[in-house]
């Protein structure tokens, strides 16, 4: 995996391709529109083409940017698929055409894109997964704010709820990640010069998403992600070489049907486990008071949605029946060798906590030797 490559070397990616039949994935990662992800991807595509590699454009979104359009050069473009939806003709990548063309490498922009209704897959990253399975390697682009586990952090930093998101496991599939970096000041200059959005959108963008503070926070997130991925890649290489023992940490996050912030809790747990390089489990304990006949259908759907989100984030989702919440959690901890237990901050009224012990108190006694992490929706985890 590579980071901060000012001149990414095509031969490094080619070496990876030749070592495995399954297609390899390379991601140009940025922190905002206009930093140059698509530009750099196309530059690499042209360098590879000049070396005699069969490279095609599966899809590029130039957004009318002249500099980006100029980089397409002589690269072959697979014709797009036209889909009519509510009287409007939309254009999407034709995944079947890319598969039929069978290039060595396909350049596919905007990994987090949502496909038009009527497409075989709802998301572009799912198209990319099919192409990789067919043995075609992919070079793609992504902004850091589209990573599922960062959703809550990005919303707090920018005030924007990012709708298009991809599961973290997709980024974990990448064989190389290149950080496309630019200072916040330089990016704002590009925006003011009309190189990112049309002139009529510049003032609004400058006052909202493209403020120096927001751009700086997003840039720091991108650099942190790159540093983590590089470090993890090095550790995995060492482990494969026999230089280090596999980690023994295992993480469990406790889900409740009554938690209003379960999604935020799961994203936090995913990142904690990811940093440890540890497997993690999202466990919902169904006590008699939460039997299907005692909770409404909307609550049951919410539990199911949370368990599905945990799977998308790379966790293992499990539901257990138990007469008592604490003893069931303690049994799971012992059976699965859990080392870190994560739960959300209790929203129990203060007077109930005052006159009786909380679930946290009981858990701390029931799981000695386990690190218990209490997560607040708006703060960092505390042990």
Foldseek 3Di string as FASTA:
>chain_A
DDEADPQDDLVVLVVVLVVDQFAAEEEAEEADFPLQRLVNLLQSQVVVVVVVFFEAEQDDDQQPQPSNVVSNPPHHYQDWDWDADPNDIDTDGDLVSCLVVDGQEYEYEDQLDADDPPDPDRGNVVSVNVCRRSRHYYYYYDYPCQAQLCQLVLCVLAVDRDDRHAAPVSVVRHPYYYYSDDQLVVSLVCLCVCNGHHNVCSVVCCVGCSDNRSSVVSRVSSVVVVVLSVVVVVVVVCVVVVNDDDDDAEEEEEDDLPDPCLSNQLSLRLVVCSSVVHAYEYEYEQAPCNPPVNDDPVSVVVVVVSQVSNVSNPHHYYYHYDNDDQVVVLVCCVVVVHQEYEYEDDPPDPVVVVVDPDSVVSNCVSHPNHHYWYDYSPDHIDD
